[in-house]
Amino acid sequence: PRHKCGNQKSCPPNYFAFKIISGAANVVGPSICFEDVVLMSSVKNNIGRGLNIALVDGTNGKLLKTGTFDMYSG
């Protein structure tokens, strides 16, 4: 069976499913999946070098904001 965000197990009731994948240098970009919706990825063109953050409302699971913080250049 397929589970949300490609996880190996389904989440218990009243829990959100998520998966965060780190990038590999500049070859493979990071991605963030939440409740089977990809929030950030190279395909969506909303990732950057450094920390990639998705702010999600913890009560309803709606995406509030995404951002990147370039830790290399300061």
PDB file of N, CA and C in Angstrom:
ATOM      1  N   PRO A   1       0.822  -1.208   0.000  1.00  0.00           N
ATOM      2  CA  PRO A   1       0.000   0.000   0.000  1.00  0.00           C
ATOM      3  C   PRO A   1       0.859   1.261   0.000  1.00  0.00           C
ATOM      4  N   ARG A   2       0.375   2.302  -0.607  1.00  0.00           N
ATOM      5  CA  ARG A   2       1.085   3.572  -0.647  1.00  0.00           C
ATOM      6  C   ARG A   2       0.619   4.451   0.512  1.00  0.00           C
ATOM      7  N   HIS A   3       1.592   5.040   1.201  1.00  0.00           N
ATOM      8  CA  HIS A   3       1.285   5.921   2.323  1.00  0.00           C
ATOM      9  C   HIS A   3       1.628   7.351   1.947  1.00  0.00           C
ATOM     10  N   LYS A   4       1.076   8.314   2.671  1.00  0.00           N
ATOM     11  CA  LYS A   4       1.287   9.730   2.378  1.00  0.00           C
ATOM     12  C   LYS A   4       2.774  10.067   2.372  1.00  0.00           C
ATOM     13  N   CYS A   5       3.171  10.882   1.420  1.00  0.00           N
ATOM     14  CA  CYS A   5       4.552  11.363   1.243  1.00  0.00           C
ATOM     15  C   CYS A   5       5.546  10.233   0.987  1.00  0.00           C
ATOM     16  N   GLY A   6       5.049   9.050   0.637  1.00  0.00           N
ATOM     17  CA  GLY A   6       5.933   7.928   0.356  1.00  0.00           C
ATOM     18  C   GLY A   6       6.565   7.316   1.593  1.00  0.00           C
ATOM     19  N   ASN A   7       5.972   7.571   2.758  1.00  0.00           N
ATOM     20  CA  ASN A   7       6.499   6.996   3.998  1.00  0.00           C
ATOM     21  C   ASN A   7       6.265   5.491   4.039  1.00  0.00           C
ATOM     22  N   GLN A   8       7.036   4.805   4.886  1.00  0.00           N
ATOM     23  CA  GLN A   8       6.923   3.350   4.981  1.00  0.00           C
ATOM     24  C   GLN A   8       5.695   2.903   5.757  1.00  0.00           C
ATOM     25  N   LYS A   9       5.200   3.759   6.651  1.00  0.00           N
ATOM     26  CA  LYS A   9       4.027   3.431   7.453  1.00  0.00           C
ATOM     27  C   LYS A   9       3.042   4.590   7.393  1.00  0.00           C
ATOM     28  N   SER A  10       1.793   4.299   7.646  1.00  0.00           N
ATOM     29  CA  SER A  10       0.805   5.375   7.741  1.00  0.00           C
ATOM     30  C   SER A  10       0.853   5.957   9.154  1.00  0.00           C
ATOM     31  N   CYS A  11       0.451   7.208   9.264  1.00  0.00           N
ATOM     32  CA  CYS A  11       0.472   7.889  10.558  1.00  0.00           C
ATOM     33  C   CYS A  11      -0.771   7.532  11.358  1.00  0.00           C
ATOM     34  N   PRO A  12      -0.655   7.561  12.684  1.00  0.00           N
ATOM     35  CA  PRO A  12      -1.837   7.322  13.517  1.00  0.00           C
ATOM     36  C   PRO A  12      -2.851   8.452  13.336  1.00  0.00           C
ATOM     37  N   PRO A  13      -4.087   8.235  13.742  1.00  0.00           N
ATOM     38  CA  PRO A  13      -5.091   9.300  13.666  1.00  0.00           C
ATOM     39  C   PRO A  13      -4.628  10.545  14.431  1.00  0.00           C
ATOM     40  N   ASN A  14      -5.013  11.699  13.962  1.00  0.00           N
ATOM     41  CA  ASN A  14      -4.688  13.000  14.564  1.00  0.00           C
ATOM     42  C   ASN A  14      -3.207  13.364  14.465  1.00  0.00           C
ATOM     43  N   TYR A  15      -2.475  12.749  13.527  1.00  0.00           N
ATOM     44  CA  TYR A  15      -1.081  13.097  13.264  1.00  0.00           C
ATOM     45  C   TYR A  15      -0.944  13.470  11.799  1.00  0.00           C
ATOM     46  N   PHE A  16      -0.012  14.359  11.509  1.00  0.00           N
ATOM     47  CA  PHE A  16       0.265  14.758  10.138  1.00  0.00           C
ATOM     48  C   PHE A  16       1.406  13.915   9.582  1.00  0.00           C
ATOM     49  N   ALA A  17       1.311  13.551   8.312  1.00  0.00           N
ATOM     50  CA  ALA A  17       2.390  12.838   7.632  1.00  0.00           C
ATOM     51  C   ALA A  17       3.311  13.857   6.979  1.00  0.00           C
ATOM     52  N   PHE A  18       4.626  13.667   7.122  1.00  0.00           N
ATOM     53  CA  PHE A  18       5.578  14.554   6.469  1.00  0.00           C
ATOM     54  C   PHE A  18       6.843  13.792   6.127  1.00  0.00           C
ATOM     55  N   LYS A  19       7.593  14.338   5.186  1.00  0.00           N
ATOM     56  CA  LYS A  19       8.880  13.761   4.813  1.00  0.00           C
ATOM     57  C   LYS A  19       9.773  14.905   4.347  1.00  0.00           C
ATOM     58  N   ILE A  20      10.963  14.974   4.913  1.00  0.00           N
ATOM     59  CA  ILE A  20      11.936  15.993   4.556  1.00  0.00           C
ATOM     60  C   ILE A  20      13.156  15.276   3.995  1.00  0.00           C
ATOM     61  N   ILE A  21      13.542  15.648   2.778  1.00  0.00           N
ATOM     62  CA  ILE A  21      14.695  15.033   2.129  1.00  0.00           C
ATOM     63  C   ILE A  21      15.752  16.098   1.921  1.00  0.00           C
ATOM     64  N   SER A  22      16.942  15.834   2.440  1.00  0.00           N
ATOM     65  CA  SER A  22      18.054  16.758   2.287  1.00  0.00           C
ATOM     66  C   SER A  22      18.634  16.637   0.890  1.00  0.00           C
ATOM     67  N   GLY A  23      19.160  17.716   0.389  1.00  0.00           N
ATOM     68  CA  GLY A  23      19.785  17.687  -0.926  1.00  0.00           C
ATOM     69  C   GLY A  23      21.169  17.057  -0.873  1.00  0.00           C
ATOM     70  N   ALA A  24      21.745  16.830  -2.035  1.00  0.00           N
ATOM     71  CA  ALA A  24      23.092  16.276  -2.151  1.00  0.00           C
ATOM     72  C   ALA A  24      23.937  17.262  -2.958  1.00  0.00           C
ATOM     73  N   ALA A  25      24.670  18.123  -2.237  1.00  0.00           N
ATOM     74  CA  ALA A  25      25.496  19.170  -2.850  1.00  0.00           C
ATOM     75  C   ALA A  25      24.622  19.983  -3.801  1.00  0.00           C
ATOM     76  N   ASN A  26      25.070  20.189  -5.014  1.00  0.00           N
ATOM     77  CA  ASN A  26      24.233  20.903  -5.983  1.00  0.00           C
ATOM     78  C   ASN A  26      23.698  19.957  -7.053  1.00  0.00           C
ATOM     79  N   VAL A  27      23.691  18.659  -6.740  1.00  0.00           N
ATOM     80  CA  VAL A  27      23.237  17.654  -7.699  1.00  0.00           C
ATOM     81  C   VAL A  27      21.741  17.371  -7.525  1.00  0.00           C
ATOM     82  N   VAL A  28      21.325  17.097  -6.304  1.00  0.00           N
ATOM     83  CA  VAL A  28      19.926  16.793  -5.997  1.00  0.00           C
ATOM     84  C   VAL A  28      19.436  17.808  -4.978  1.00  0.00           C
ATOM     85  N   GLY A  29      18.365  18.486  -5.283  1.00  0.00           N
ATOM     86  CA  GLY A  29      17.827  19.485  -4.365  1.00  0.00           C
ATOM     87  C   GLY A  29      17.002  18.869  -3.256  1.00  0.00           C
ATOM     88  N   PRO A  30      16.789  19.599  -2.175  1.00  0.00           N
ATOM     89  CA  PRO A  30      15.966  19.106  -1.073  1.00  0.00           C
ATOM     90  C   PRO A  30      14.484  19.146  -1.429  1.00  0.00           C
ATOM     91  N   SER A  31      13.682  18.474  -0.642  1.00  0.00           N
ATOM     92  CA  SER A  31      12.234  18.554  -0.818  1.00  0.00           C
ATOM     93  C   SER A  31      11.547  18.383   0.529  1.00  0.00           C
ATOM     94  N   ILE A  32      10.383  19.004   0.631  1.00  0.00           N
ATOM     95  CA  ILE A  32       9.568  18.901   1.835  1.00  0.00           C
ATOM     96  C   ILE A  32       8.163  18.514   1.397  1.00  0.00           C
ATOM     97  N   CYS A  33       7.672  17.394   1.934  1.00  0.00           N
ATOM     98  CA  CYS A  33       6.324  16.912   1.659  1.00  0.00           C
ATOM     99  C   CYS A  33       5.536  16.937   2.963  1.00  0.00           C
ATOM    100  N   PHE A  34       4.292  17.389   2.893  1.00  0.00           N
ATOM    101  CA  PHE A  34       3.431  17.442   4.078  1.00  0.00           C
ATOM    102  C   PHE A  34       2.027  17.007   3.672  1.00  0.00           C
ATOM    103  N   GLU A  35       1.527  15.961   4.304  1.00  0.00           N
ATOM    104  CA  GLU A  35       0.195  15.428   4.018  1.00  0.00           C
ATOM    105  C   GLU A  35       0.011  15.136   2.527  1.00  0.00           C
ATOM    106  N   ASP A  36       1.035  14.538   1.924  1.00  0.00           N
ATOM    107  CA  ASP A  36       1.023  14.114   0.524  1.00  0.00           C
ATOM    108  C   ASP A  36       1.026  15.275  -0.471  1.00  0.00           C
ATOM    109  N   VAL A  37       1.403  16.470  -0.012  1.00  0.00           N
ATOM    110  CA  VAL A  37       1.538  17.631  -0.880  1.00  0.00           C
ATOM    111  C   VAL A  37       2.989  18.093  -0.805  1.00  0.00           C
ATOM    112  N   VAL A  38       3.649  18.191  -1.953  1.00  0.00           N
ATOM    113  CA  VAL A  38       5.032  18.661  -1.983  1.00  0.00           C
ATOM    114  C   VAL A  38       5.005  20.177  -1.798  1.00  0.00           C
ATOM    115  N   LEU A  39       5.587  20.652  -0.689  1.00  0.00           N
ATOM    116  CA  LEU A  39       5.601  22.078  -0.391  1.00  0.00           C
ATOM    117  C   LEU A  39       6.790  22.785  -1.022  1.00  0.00           C
ATOM    118  N   MET A  40       7.941  22.114  -1.018  1.00  0.00           N
ATOM    119  CA  MET A  40       9.158  22.702  -1.570  1.00  0.00           C
ATOM    120  C   MET A  40       9.919  21.631  -2.342  1.00  0.00           C
ATOM    121  N   SER A  41      10.415  21.992  -3.536  1.00  0.00           N
ATOM    122  CA  SER A  41      11.224  21.070  -4.339  1.00  0.00           C
ATOM    123  C   SER A  41      11.846  21.835  -5.490  1.00  0.00           C
ATOM    124  N   SER A  42      12.794  21.191  -6.161  1.00  0.00           N
ATOM    125  CA  SER A  42      13.404  21.816  -7.324  1.00  0.00           C
ATOM    126  C   SER A  42      12.402  21.932  -8.468  1.00  0.00           C
ATOM    127  N   VAL A  43      11.442  21.027  -8.539  1.00  0.00           N
ATOM    128  CA  VAL A  43      10.413  21.090  -9.573  1.00  0.00           C
ATOM    129  C   VAL A  43       9.544  22.336  -9.382  1.00  0.00           C
ATOM    130  N   LYS A  44       9.233  22.668  -8.131  1.00  0.00           N
ATOM    131  CA  LYS A  44       8.434  23.858  -7.840  1.00  0.00           C
ATOM    132  C   LYS A  44       9.273  25.132  -7.901  1.00  0.00           C
ATOM    133  N   ASN A  45      10.589  24.963  -8.012  1.00  0.00           N
ATOM    134  CA  ASN A  45      11.523  26.082  -8.116  1.00  0.00           C
ATOM    135  C   ASN A  45      11.420  27.045  -6.922  1.00  0.00           C
ATOM    136  N   ASN A  46      11.247  26.488  -5.719  1.00  0.00           N
ATOM    137  CA  ASN A  46      11.167  27.331  -4.529  1.00  0.00           C
ATOM    138  C   ASN A  46      12.150  26.891  -3.438  1.00  0.00           C
ATOM    139  N   ILE A  47      13.265  26.296  -3.848  1.00  0.00           N
ATOM    140  CA  ILE A  47      14.309  25.921  -2.900  1.00  0.00           C
ATOM    141  C   ILE A  47      15.554  26.746  -3.198  1.00  0.00           C
ATOM    142  N   GLY A  48      16.445  26.782  -2.238  1.00  0.00           N
ATOM    143  CA  GLY A  48      17.682  27.512  -2.428  1.00  0.00           C
ATOM    144  C   GLY A  48      18.806  26.880  -1.634  1.00  0.00           C
ATOM    145  N   ARG A  49      19.988  27.457  -1.779  1.00  0.00           N
ATOM    146  CA  ARG A  49      21.157  26.976  -1.043  1.00  0.00           C
ATOM    147  C   ARG A  49      20.981  27.340   0.427  1.00  0.00           C
ATOM    148  N   GLY A  50      21.324  26.419   1.302  1.00  0.00           N
ATOM    149  CA  GLY A  50      21.227  26.669   2.741  1.00  0.00           C
ATOM    150  C   GLY A  50      20.037  25.961   3.357  1.00  0.00           C
ATOM    151  N   LEU A  51      19.389  26.623   4.307  1.00  0.00           N
ATOM    152  CA  LEU A  51      18.237  26.047   5.000  1.00  0.00           C
ATOM    153  C   LEU A  51      16.961  26.391   4.251  1.00  0.00           C
ATOM    154  N   ASN A  52      16.170  25.394   3.993  1.00  0.00           N
ATOM    155  CA  ASN A  52      14.871  25.578   3.351  1.00  0.00           C
ATOM    156  C   ASN A  52      13.801  25.293   4.396  1.00  0.00           C
ATOM    157  N   ILE A  53      12.894  26.240   4.587  1.00  0.00           N
ATOM    158  CA  ILE A  53      11.920  26.151   5.675  1.00  0.00           C
ATOM    159  C   ILE A  53      10.504  26.307   5.128  1.00  0.00           C
ATOM    160  N   ALA A  54       9.601  25.467   5.600  1.00  0.00           N
ATOM    161  CA  ALA A  54       8.176  25.595   5.290  1.00  0.00           C
ATOM    162  C   ALA A  54       7.439  25.772   6.617  1.00  0.00           C
ATOM    163  N   LEU A  55       6.704  26.865   6.741  1.00  0.00           N
ATOM    164  CA  LEU A  55       5.918  27.139   7.947  1.00  0.00           C
ATOM    165  C   LEU A  55       4.496  26.654   7.702  1.00  0.00           C
ATOM    166  N   VAL A  56       4.048  25.724   8.555  1.00  0.00           N
ATOM    167  CA  VAL A  56       2.745  25.094   8.390  1.00  0.00           C
ATOM    168  C   VAL A  56       1.932  25.313   9.659  1.00  0.00           C
ATOM    169  N   ASP A  57       0.662  25.649   9.501  1.00  0.00           N
ATOM    170  CA  ASP A  57      -0.242  25.802  10.643  1.00  0.00           C
ATOM    171  C   ASP A  57      -0.466  24.431  11.272  1.00  0.00           C
ATOM    172  N   GLY A  58      -0.117  24.283  12.525  1.00  0.00           N
ATOM    173  CA  GLY A  58      -0.192  22.997  13.210  1.00  0.00           C
ATOM    174  C   GLY A  58      -1.599  22.528  13.516  1.00  0.00           C
ATOM    175  N   THR A  59      -2.597  23.400  13.412  1.00  0.00           N
ATOM    176  CA  THR A  59      -3.966  22.975  13.705  1.00  0.00           C
ATOM    177  C   THR A  59      -4.694  22.445  12.481  1.00  0.00           C
ATOM    178  N   ASN A  60      -4.416  23.054  11.305  1.00  0.00           N
ATOM    179  CA  ASN A  60      -5.150  22.620  10.121  1.00  0.00           C
ATOM    180  C   ASN A  60      -4.251  22.110   8.998  1.00  0.00           C
ATOM    181  N   GLY A  61      -2.931  22.249   9.140  1.00  0.00           N
ATOM    182  CA  GLY A  61      -1.997  21.732   8.151  1.00  0.00           C
ATOM    183  C   GLY A  61      -1.809  22.599   6.924  1.00  0.00           C
ATOM    184  N   LYS A  62      -2.313  23.832   6.939  1.00  0.00           N
ATOM    185  CA  LYS A  62      -2.177  24.709   5.773  1.00  0.00           C
ATOM    186  C   LYS A  62      -0.800  25.359   5.744  1.00  0.00           C
ATOM    187  N   LEU A  63      -0.252  25.471   4.539  1.00  0.00           N
ATOM    188  CA  LEU A  63       1.041  26.121   4.337  1.00  0.00           C
ATOM    189  C   LEU A  63       0.875  27.620   4.536  1.00  0.00           C
ATOM    190  N   LEU A  64       1.711  28.192   5.410  1.00  0.00           N
ATOM    191  CA  LEU A  64       1.657  29.621   5.666  1.00  0.00           C
ATOM    192  C   LEU A  64       2.724  30.383   4.886  1.00  0.00           C
ATOM    193  N   LYS A  65       3.946  29.822   4.851  1.00  0.00           N
ATOM    194  CA  LYS A  65       5.040  30.543   4.213  1.00  0.00           C
ATOM    195  C   LYS A  65       6.204  29.590   3.958  1.00  0.00           C
ATOM    196  N   THR A  66       6.959  29.863   2.898  1.00  0.00           N
ATOM    197  CA  THR A  66       8.206  29.136   2.653  1.00  0.00           C
ATOM    198  C   THR A  66       9.334  30.152   2.560  1.00  0.00           C
ATOM    199  N   GLY A  67      10.540  29.702   2.847  1.00  0.00           N
ATOM    200  CA  GLY A  67      11.694  30.594   2.753  1.00  0.00           C
ATOM    201  C   GLY A  67      12.990  29.820   2.745  1.00  0.00           C
ATOM    202  N   THR A  68      14.043  30.479   2.286  1.00  0.00           N
ATOM    203  CA  THR A  68      15.374  29.895   2.295  1.00  0.00           C
ATOM    204  C   THR A  68      16.325  30.838   2.993  1.00  0.00           C
ATOM    205  N   PHE A  69      17.298  30.283   3.689  1.00  0.00           N
ATOM    206  CA  PHE A  69      18.305  31.046   4.398  1.00  0.00           C
ATOM    207  C   PHE A  69      19.679  30.562   3.958  1.00  0.00           C
ATOM    208  N   ASP A  70      20.379  31.381   3.204  1.00  0.00           N
ATOM    209  CA  ASP A  70      21.688  31.026   2.671  1.00  0.00           C
ATOM    210  C   ASP A  70      22.730  31.160   3.784  1.00  0.00           C
ATOM    211  N   MET A  71      23.124  30.045   4.345  1.00  0.00           N
ATOM    212  CA  MET A  71      24.079  30.029   5.459  1.00  0.00           C
ATOM    213  C   MET A  71      25.528  30.143   4.978  1.00  0.00           C
ATOM    214  N   TYR A  72      25.762  29.948   3.681  1.00  0.00           N
ATOM    215  CA  TYR A  72      27.116  29.992   3.139  1.00  0.00           C
ATOM    216  C   TYR A  72      27.607  31.417   2.960  1.00  0.00           C
ATOM    217  N   SER A  73      26.763  32.253   2.370  1.00  0.00           N
ATOM    218  CA  SER A  73      27.188  33.618   2.075  1.00  0.00           C
ATOM    219  C   SER A  73      26.975  34.567   3.241  1.00  0.00           C
ATOM    220  N   GLY A  74      26.323  34.081   4.294  1.00  0.00           N
ATOM    221  CA  GLY A  74      26.125  34.929   5.471  1.00  0.00           C
ATOM    222  C   GLY A  74      24.833  35.663   5.401  1.00  0.00           C
TER     223      GLY A  74
END
